[in-house]
Structures are given as C-alpha cells and as structure tokens.
Amino acid sequence: MEFPTYRYTLRPDIIKTYLEAVEESDSLYTDEEQDTQSLFGHPVVPPTTIAIYVTPSRVLKTIKNKPPSGLIQTGQRFEFYHPIRIGETVTVKASIDDLYQKKGRNYVVLKGEGVNEQGQRAAVSYLTFIWPSQS
C-alpha cells in the first residue's frame, strides 16, 4: 500500500531554529564561507533533521479509517544516502513495507523515502508498529 506523497522545504529559518534547539554549531550546517571548502561545497541539513521529515507517521492521518487506539510504535530505523541542501524541497513517498505477526500480535512497518530535488534518495525511515485488532 502506498500513501500520497508529501513535500517539505527545509528553509533556512527552520534549520536555524533546529540547530539552536539542539545547540549545534558545526560549520557544516551553518557557515556558507567555511563550508564551500567542505566535501559538499555548501551547508547541508543535519541528518537528524531530515530524519524528522521522512518519518512516515504523518501518513497515518491520510488513512480513511483512523488507526485503532492502542497503536504502539516498537521500533524505528533510519538510513542516510545523500545530503540535503538548506532550502531544498524533499519529496517523501510512504508505503507499508512489511506486515507480519509475532507472538499473536500484528506488526506493520511503514517506510518513508525522501528524495531531493534532483531525484536522489536522501534518507529512508522505517517505523514499526504493533497494530491492534479492530473489533
């Protein structure tokens, strides 16, 4: 099952607020002049920030019938592939990646894949939930 895609623009003000909140000052994320000499040649979005935006929990709101009460998140995993420039728009495609049962419980794995404006995979998020039976 695939969900509607969604987009986020990682504007400089969003990144600045995030960096201040986590007390991050690495020039890789903040300094245009210093960063032109880095591997990327421009400031990039911190991986933890992009992880927030590719997390597909937002898609649960798009399900016609609301998820059942008692939904429990049991795991999450992130993979990072390509840096995102500050100010770039990320498109996120979300889908159900896996369904399985364990100890009599139903598990659902949601996958969110974020791609940059050039179509390059930037990050992938996997969230695992125990999905309660609907009675």
N, C-alpha and C. Protein backbone atom coordinates (compact mmCIF):
# COMPACT_ATOMS: atom_id res chain seq x y z
N MET A 1 0.84 -1.17 0.00
CA MET A 1 0.00 0.00 0.00
C MET A 1 0.89 1.24 0.00
N GLU A 2 0.58 2.16 -0.89
CA GLU A 2 1.31 3.42 -0.93
C GLU A 2 0.39 4.55 -0.50
N PHE A 3 0.97 5.58 0.06
CA PHE A 3 0.24 6.73 0.55
C PHE A 3 0.53 7.93 -0.33
N PRO A 4 -0.29 8.99 -0.23
CA PRO A 4 0.01 10.20 -1.01
C PRO A 4 1.39 10.76 -0.65
N THR A 5 2.12 11.22 -1.66
CA THR A 5 3.43 11.83 -1.38
C THR A 5 3.21 13.18 -0.71
N TYR A 6 4.20 13.61 0.01
CA TYR A 6 4.17 14.94 0.61
C TYR A 6 5.54 15.57 0.46
N ARG A 7 5.58 16.90 0.57
CA ARG A 7 6.82 17.64 0.36
C ARG A 7 7.09 18.59 1.52
N TYR A 8 8.38 18.76 1.80
CA TYR A 8 8.83 19.71 2.79
C TYR A 8 9.95 20.54 2.20
N THR A 9 9.91 21.84 2.42
CA THR A 9 11.03 22.68 2.07
C THR A 9 11.78 22.98 3.36
N LEU A 10 13.03 22.60 3.39
CA LEU A 10 13.84 22.77 4.59
C LEU A 10 14.48 24.16 4.57
N ARG A 11 13.63 25.13 4.87
CA ARG A 11 14.00 26.54 4.81
C ARG A 11 15.09 26.87 5.82
N PRO A 12 15.89 27.89 5.53
CA PRO A 12 16.97 28.28 6.46
C PRO A 12 16.45 28.59 7.87
N ASP A 13 15.29 29.22 8.00
CA ASP A 13 14.78 29.55 9.34
C ASP A 13 14.43 28.29 10.13
N ILE A 14 13.91 27.27 9.46
CA ILE A 14 13.60 26.01 10.13
C ILE A 14 14.90 25.37 10.64
N ILE A 15 15.90 25.33 9.77
CA ILE A 15 17.17 24.71 10.15
C ILE A 15 17.84 25.50 11.26
N LYS A 16 17.80 26.81 11.17
CA LYS A 16 18.41 27.66 12.22
C LYS A 16 17.75 27.38 13.57
N THR A 17 16.43 27.33 13.58
CA THR A 17 15.70 27.06 14.83
C THR A 17 16.07 25.69 15.38
N TYR A 18 16.15 24.69 14.49
CA TYR A 18 16.52 23.35 14.92
C TYR A 18 17.93 23.33 15.51
N LEU A 19 18.88 23.96 14.81
CA LEU A 19 20.26 23.98 15.29
C LEU A 19 20.39 24.66 16.64
N GLU A 20 19.64 25.74 16.83
CA GLU A 20 19.65 26.42 18.13
C GLU A 20 19.07 25.51 19.22
N ALA A 21 17.99 24.80 18.89
CA ALA A 21 17.33 23.94 19.88
C ALA A 21 18.24 22.81 20.35
N VAL A 22 19.04 22.26 19.44
CA VAL A 22 19.92 21.14 19.81
C VAL A 22 21.34 21.60 20.11
N GLU A 23 21.54 22.93 20.12
CA GLU A 23 22.84 23.54 20.42
C GLU A 23 23.95 23.02 19.51
N GLU A 24 23.66 22.98 18.22
CA GLU A 24 24.63 22.53 17.21
C GLU A 24 25.22 23.75 16.53
N SER A 25 26.55 23.78 16.42
CA SER A 25 27.20 24.94 15.79
C SER A 25 28.22 24.53 14.73
N ASP A 26 28.21 23.29 14.32
CA ASP A 26 29.17 22.82 13.32
C ASP A 26 29.00 23.64 12.03
N SER A 27 30.12 24.12 11.50
CA SER A 27 30.07 24.95 10.29
C SER A 27 29.52 24.18 9.09
N LEU A 28 29.52 22.88 9.13
CA LEU A 28 28.95 22.08 8.06
C LEU A 28 27.48 22.44 7.83
N TYR A 29 26.81 22.88 8.90
CA TYR A 29 25.39 23.22 8.83
C TYR A 29 25.11 24.72 8.82
N THR A 30 26.13 25.53 9.12
CA THR A 30 25.84 26.94 9.38
C THR A 30 26.60 27.96 8.55
N ASP A 31 27.78 27.64 8.08
CA ASP A 31 28.67 28.67 7.55
C ASP A 31 28.88 28.53 6.04
N GLU A 32 28.29 29.44 5.29
CA GLU A 32 28.43 29.42 3.82
C GLU A 32 29.90 29.48 3.39
N GLU A 33 30.67 30.41 3.95
CA GLU A 33 32.07 30.59 3.51
C GLU A 33 32.93 29.40 3.89
N GLN A 34 32.86 28.98 5.14
CA GLN A 34 33.66 27.86 5.62
C GLN A 34 33.28 26.58 4.88
N ASP A 35 32.00 26.43 4.63
CA ASP A 35 31.52 25.17 4.08
C ASP A 35 31.81 24.99 2.60
N THR A 36 32.13 26.05 1.88
CA THR A 36 32.45 25.89 0.47
C THR A 36 33.69 25.02 0.30
N GLN A 37 34.46 24.89 1.36
CA GLN A 37 35.67 24.05 1.30
C GLN A 37 35.38 22.63 1.79
N SER A 38 34.17 22.35 2.21
CA SER A 38 33.84 21.01 2.71
C SER A 38 33.61 20.06 1.53
N LEU A 39 33.39 18.84 1.87
CA LEU A 39 33.12 17.80 0.88
C LEU A 39 31.91 18.14 0.02
N PHE A 40 30.90 18.82 0.61
CA PHE A 40 29.66 19.10 -0.10
C PHE A 40 29.68 20.44 -0.85
N GLY A 41 30.49 21.39 -0.39
CA GLY A 41 30.59 22.68 -1.06
C GLY A 41 29.48 23.66 -0.70
N HIS A 42 28.64 23.30 0.26
CA HIS A 42 27.55 24.17 0.71
C HIS A 42 27.05 23.63 2.04
N PRO A 43 26.39 24.47 2.85
CA PRO A 43 25.81 23.96 4.10
C PRO A 43 24.73 22.91 3.80
N VAL A 44 24.64 21.92 4.67
CA VAL A 44 23.66 20.84 4.49
C VAL A 44 22.76 20.76 5.72
N VAL A 45 21.64 20.09 5.55
CA VAL A 45 20.70 19.85 6.63
C VAL A 45 21.25 18.72 7.49
N PRO A 46 21.25 18.87 8.82
CA PRO A 46 21.72 17.77 9.68
C PRO A 46 20.88 16.50 9.45
N PRO A 47 21.50 15.34 9.47
CA PRO A 47 20.76 14.09 9.25
C PRO A 47 19.59 13.92 10.21
N THR A 48 19.75 14.34 11.46
CA THR A 48 18.65 14.18 12.41
C THR A 48 17.44 15.03 12.01
N THR A 49 17.67 16.14 11.33
CA THR A 49 16.56 16.97 10.87
C THR A 49 15.82 16.27 9.74
N ILE A 50 16.55 15.77 8.76
CA ILE A 50 15.88 15.10 7.64
C ILE A 50 15.16 13.85 8.14
N ALA A 51 15.68 13.21 9.19
CA ALA A 51 15.00 12.04 9.75
C ALA A 51 13.60 12.40 10.23
N ILE A 52 13.45 13.58 10.80
CA ILE A 52 12.13 14.03 11.27
C ILE A 52 11.16 14.12 10.09
N TYR A 53 11.64 14.64 8.98
CA TYR A 53 10.76 14.90 7.85
C TYR A 53 10.44 13.66 7.02
N VAL A 54 11.29 12.64 7.04
CA VAL A 54 10.97 11.43 6.27
C VAL A 54 10.24 10.39 7.10
N THR A 55 10.07 10.64 8.38
CA THR A 55 9.33 9.71 9.21
C THR A 55 7.88 9.66 8.74
N PRO A 56 7.40 8.50 8.34
CA PRO A 56 6.08 8.43 7.70
C PRO A 56 4.89 8.41 8.64
N SER A 57 5.06 8.73 9.92
CA SER A 57 3.91 8.71 10.81
C SER A 57 2.82 9.68 10.37
N ARG A 58 3.21 10.72 9.63
CA ARG A 58 2.25 11.69 9.10
C ARG A 58 1.20 10.99 8.21
N VAL A 59 1.61 9.93 7.52
CA VAL A 59 0.67 9.27 6.59
C VAL A 59 -0.47 8.59 7.32
N LEU A 60 -0.31 8.31 8.59
CA LEU A 60 -1.40 7.68 9.33
C LEU A 60 -2.64 8.57 9.31
N LYS A 61 -2.45 9.87 9.19
CA LYS A 61 -3.58 10.80 9.14
C LYS A 61 -4.34 10.70 7.81
N THR A 62 -3.73 10.11 6.78
CA THR A 62 -4.37 10.03 5.47
C THR A 62 -5.21 8.75 5.30
N ILE A 63 -5.12 7.85 6.27
CA ILE A 63 -5.88 6.61 6.17
C ILE A 63 -7.37 6.93 6.36
N LYS A 64 -8.21 6.37 5.49
CA LYS A 64 -9.64 6.67 5.52
C LYS A 64 -10.23 6.40 6.90
N ASN A 65 -9.98 5.22 7.41
CA ASN A 65 -10.41 4.90 8.78
C ASN A 65 -9.22 5.16 9.69
N LYS A 66 -9.44 5.92 10.75
CA LYS A 66 -8.33 6.26 11.64
C LYS A 66 -7.69 4.99 12.20
N PRO A 67 -6.38 5.05 12.46
CA PRO A 67 -5.74 3.89 13.07
C PRO A 67 -6.42 3.56 14.40
N PRO A 68 -6.43 2.29 14.76
CA PRO A 68 -7.10 1.90 16.00
C PRO A 68 -6.38 2.46 17.22
N SER A 69 -7.13 2.69 18.29
CA SER A 69 -6.48 3.12 19.53
C SER A 69 -5.62 1.96 20.03
N GLY A 70 -4.58 2.28 20.72
CA GLY A 70 -3.67 1.26 21.21
C GLY A 70 -2.51 0.98 20.28
N LEU A 71 -2.37 1.77 19.22
CA LEU A 71 -1.24 1.63 18.29
C LEU A 71 0.05 1.91 19.06
N ILE A 72 1.02 1.02 18.97
CA ILE A 72 2.27 1.17 19.71
C ILE A 72 3.44 1.12 18.74
N GLN A 73 4.28 2.15 18.79
CA GLN A 73 5.50 2.12 17.97
C GLN A 73 6.54 1.31 18.71
N THR A 74 7.09 0.31 18.02
CA THR A 74 8.05 -0.59 18.67
C THR A 74 9.47 -0.44 18.14
N GLY A 75 9.63 0.30 17.06
CA GLY A 75 10.98 0.45 16.52
C GLY A 75 11.04 1.51 15.44
N GLN A 76 12.25 1.98 15.21
CA GLN A 76 12.50 2.90 14.11
C GLN A 76 13.95 2.74 13.66
N ARG A 77 14.14 2.96 12.37
CA ARG A 77 15.48 2.83 11.78
C ARG A 77 15.58 3.86 10.67
N PHE A 78 16.76 4.45 10.54
CA PHE A 78 16.98 5.46 9.51
C PHE A 78 18.21 5.09 8.70
N GLU A 79 18.14 5.38 7.41
CA GLU A 79 19.28 5.21 6.51
C GLU A 79 19.48 6.55 5.80
N PHE A 80 20.73 6.99 5.72
CA PHE A 80 21.04 8.27 5.09
C PHE A 80 21.93 8.04 3.88
N TYR A 81 21.56 8.65 2.76
CA TYR A 81 22.25 8.40 1.49
C TYR A 81 22.88 9.63 0.86
N HIS A 82 22.15 10.73 0.84
CA HIS A 82 22.63 11.91 0.13
C HIS A 82 22.26 13.15 0.94
N PRO A 83 23.19 14.09 1.12
CA PRO A 83 22.87 15.27 1.92
C PRO A 83 21.85 16.17 1.22
N ILE A 84 21.10 16.88 2.03
CA ILE A 84 20.10 17.84 1.55
C ILE A 84 20.65 19.24 1.78
N ARG A 85 20.55 20.07 0.76
CA ARG A 85 20.94 21.47 0.89
C ARG A 85 19.90 22.21 1.71
N ILE A 86 20.35 23.17 2.48
CA ILE A 86 19.42 24.04 3.18
C ILE A 86 18.63 24.81 2.14
N GLY A 87 17.31 24.83 2.29
CA GLY A 87 16.42 25.49 1.33
C GLY A 87 15.85 24.55 0.29
N GLU A 88 16.32 23.32 0.25
CA GLU A 88 15.87 22.35 -0.74
C GLU A 88 14.53 21.74 -0.33
N THR A 89 13.74 21.34 -1.32
CA THR A 89 12.47 20.66 -1.07
C THR A 89 12.68 19.17 -1.18
N VAL A 90 12.18 18.45 -0.18
CA VAL A 90 12.28 17.00 -0.14
C VAL A 90 10.89 16.42 -0.40
N THR A 91 10.81 15.44 -1.29
CA THR A 91 9.56 14.73 -1.56
C THR A 91 9.63 13.39 -0.85
N VAL A 92 8.59 13.09 -0.08
CA VAL A 92 8.56 11.85 0.69
C VAL A 92 7.47 10.94 0.15
N LYS A 93 7.89 9.72 -0.16
CA LYS A 93 6.97 8.67 -0.60
C LYS A 93 6.88 7.68 0.56
N ALA A 94 5.67 7.40 0.98
CA ALA A 94 5.49 6.48 2.10
C ALA A 94 4.68 5.27 1.66
N SER A 95 5.00 4.13 2.26
CA SER A 95 4.29 2.89 1.93
C SER A 95 4.38 1.93 3.11
N ILE A 96 3.54 0.91 3.04
CA ILE A 96 3.67 -0.18 4.00
C ILE A 96 4.76 -1.09 3.45
N ASP A 97 5.80 -1.27 4.22
CA ASP A 97 6.95 -2.05 3.77
C ASP A 97 6.82 -3.52 4.15
N ASP A 98 6.15 -3.79 5.27
CA ASP A 98 6.06 -5.18 5.72
C ASP A 98 4.88 -5.33 6.68
N LEU A 99 4.30 -6.51 6.67
CA LEU A 99 3.25 -6.91 7.61
C LEU A 99 3.65 -8.29 8.12
N TYR A 100 3.59 -8.48 9.44
CA TYR A 100 3.90 -9.80 9.98
C TYR A 100 3.26 -9.96 11.35
N GLN A 101 3.24 -11.19 11.80
CA GLN A 101 2.73 -11.50 13.14
C GLN A 101 3.85 -12.06 13.98
N LYS A 102 3.81 -11.69 15.25
CA LYS A 102 4.80 -12.19 16.20
C LYS A 102 4.11 -12.27 17.56
N LYS A 103 4.17 -13.43 18.17
CA LYS A 103 3.54 -13.65 19.47
C LYS A 103 2.07 -13.23 19.46
N GLY A 104 1.39 -13.53 18.37
CA GLY A 104 -0.03 -13.25 18.27
C GLY A 104 -0.38 -11.79 18.02
N ARG A 105 0.60 -10.97 17.76
CA ARG A 105 0.34 -9.55 17.51
C ARG A 105 0.62 -9.22 16.05
N ASN A 106 -0.15 -8.28 15.52
CA ASN A 106 0.04 -7.82 14.14
C ASN A 106 1.02 -6.64 14.13
N TYR A 107 2.02 -6.76 13.28
CA TYR A 107 3.01 -5.69 13.13
C TYR A 107 2.92 -5.09 11.73
N VAL A 108 3.11 -3.78 11.67
CA VAL A 108 3.12 -3.04 10.41
C VAL A 108 4.39 -2.22 10.38
N VAL A 109 5.11 -2.28 9.25
CA VAL A 109 6.31 -1.46 9.07
C VAL A 109 6.00 -0.41 8.00
N LEU A 110 6.05 0.87 8.39
CA LEU A 110 5.87 1.97 7.44
C LEU A 110 7.23 2.46 6.99
N LYS A 111 7.36 2.67 5.71
CA LYS A 111 8.61 3.15 5.12
C LYS A 111 8.37 4.54 4.53
N GLY A 112 9.26 5.46 4.83
CA GLY A 112 9.22 6.78 4.22
C GLY A 112 10.53 7.03 3.51
N GLU A 113 10.48 7.32 2.23
CA GLU A 113 11.70 7.56 1.46
C GLU A 113 11.70 9.00 0.96
N GLY A 114 12.71 9.76 1.38
CA GLY A 114 12.83 11.16 0.97
C GLY A 114 13.83 11.31 -0.16
N VAL A 115 13.43 12.03 -1.20
CA VAL A 115 14.32 12.29 -2.33
C VAL A 115 14.48 13.81 -2.48
N ASN A 116 15.67 14.21 -2.93
CA ASN A 116 15.92 15.63 -3.11
C ASN A 116 15.36 16.11 -4.44
N GLU A 117 15.59 17.39 -4.76
CA GLU A 117 15.03 17.97 -5.97
C GLU A 117 15.58 17.35 -7.25
N GLN A 118 16.74 16.70 -7.16
CA GLN A 118 17.32 16.03 -8.33
C GLN A 118 16.87 14.58 -8.43
N GLY A 119 16.00 14.15 -7.51
CA GLY A 119 15.50 12.78 -7.53
C GLY A 119 16.43 11.78 -6.87
N GLN A 120 17.44 12.26 -6.17
CA GLN A 120 18.38 11.36 -5.48
C GLN A 120 17.81 10.98 -4.12
N ARG A 121 17.93 9.71 -3.78
CA ARG A 121 17.49 9.25 -2.46
C ARG A 121 18.34 9.94 -1.40
N ALA A 122 17.67 10.60 -0.46
CA ALA A 122 18.38 11.30 0.60
C ALA A 122 18.36 10.50 1.90
N ALA A 123 17.18 10.01 2.28
CA ALA A 123 17.05 9.29 3.53
C ALA A 123 15.84 8.37 3.47
N VAL A 124 15.91 7.30 4.26
CA VAL A 124 14.79 6.36 4.36
C VAL A 124 14.54 6.12 5.84
N SER A 125 13.27 6.09 6.20
CA SER A 125 12.86 5.84 7.57
C SER A 125 11.95 4.62 7.60
N TYR A 126 12.13 3.79 8.61
CA TYR A 126 11.26 2.64 8.83
C TYR A 126 10.70 2.74 10.24
N LEU A 127 9.39 2.75 10.37
CA LEU A 127 8.74 2.75 11.68
C LEU A 127 7.96 1.45 11.81
N THR A 128 8.13 0.78 12.93
CA THR A 128 7.42 -0.48 13.18
C THR A 128 6.39 -0.25 14.29
N PHE A 129 5.18 -0.72 14.03
CA PHE A 129 4.08 -0.57 14.98
C PHE A 129 3.44 -1.91 15.27
N ILE A 130 2.96 -2.07 16.51
CA ILE A 130 2.01 -3.12 16.79
C ILE A 130 0.66 -2.53 16.45
N TRP A 131 -0.06 -3.20 15.55
CA TRP A 131 -1.34 -2.70 15.06
C TRP A 131 -2.44 -3.52 15.72
N PRO A 132 -3.13 -2.94 16.69
CA PRO A 132 -4.16 -3.70 17.42
C PRO A 132 -5.29 -4.16 16.50
N SER A 133 -5.88 -5.28 16.85
CA SER A 133 -7.04 -5.78 16.11
C SER A 133 -8.20 -4.82 16.31
N GLN A 134 -8.97 -4.64 15.24
CA GLN A 134 -10.16 -3.80 15.35
C GLN A 134 -11.36 -4.72 15.56
N SER A 135 -12.06 -4.48 16.66
CA SER A 135 -13.22 -5.34 16.90
C SER A 135 -14.50 -4.57 16.87
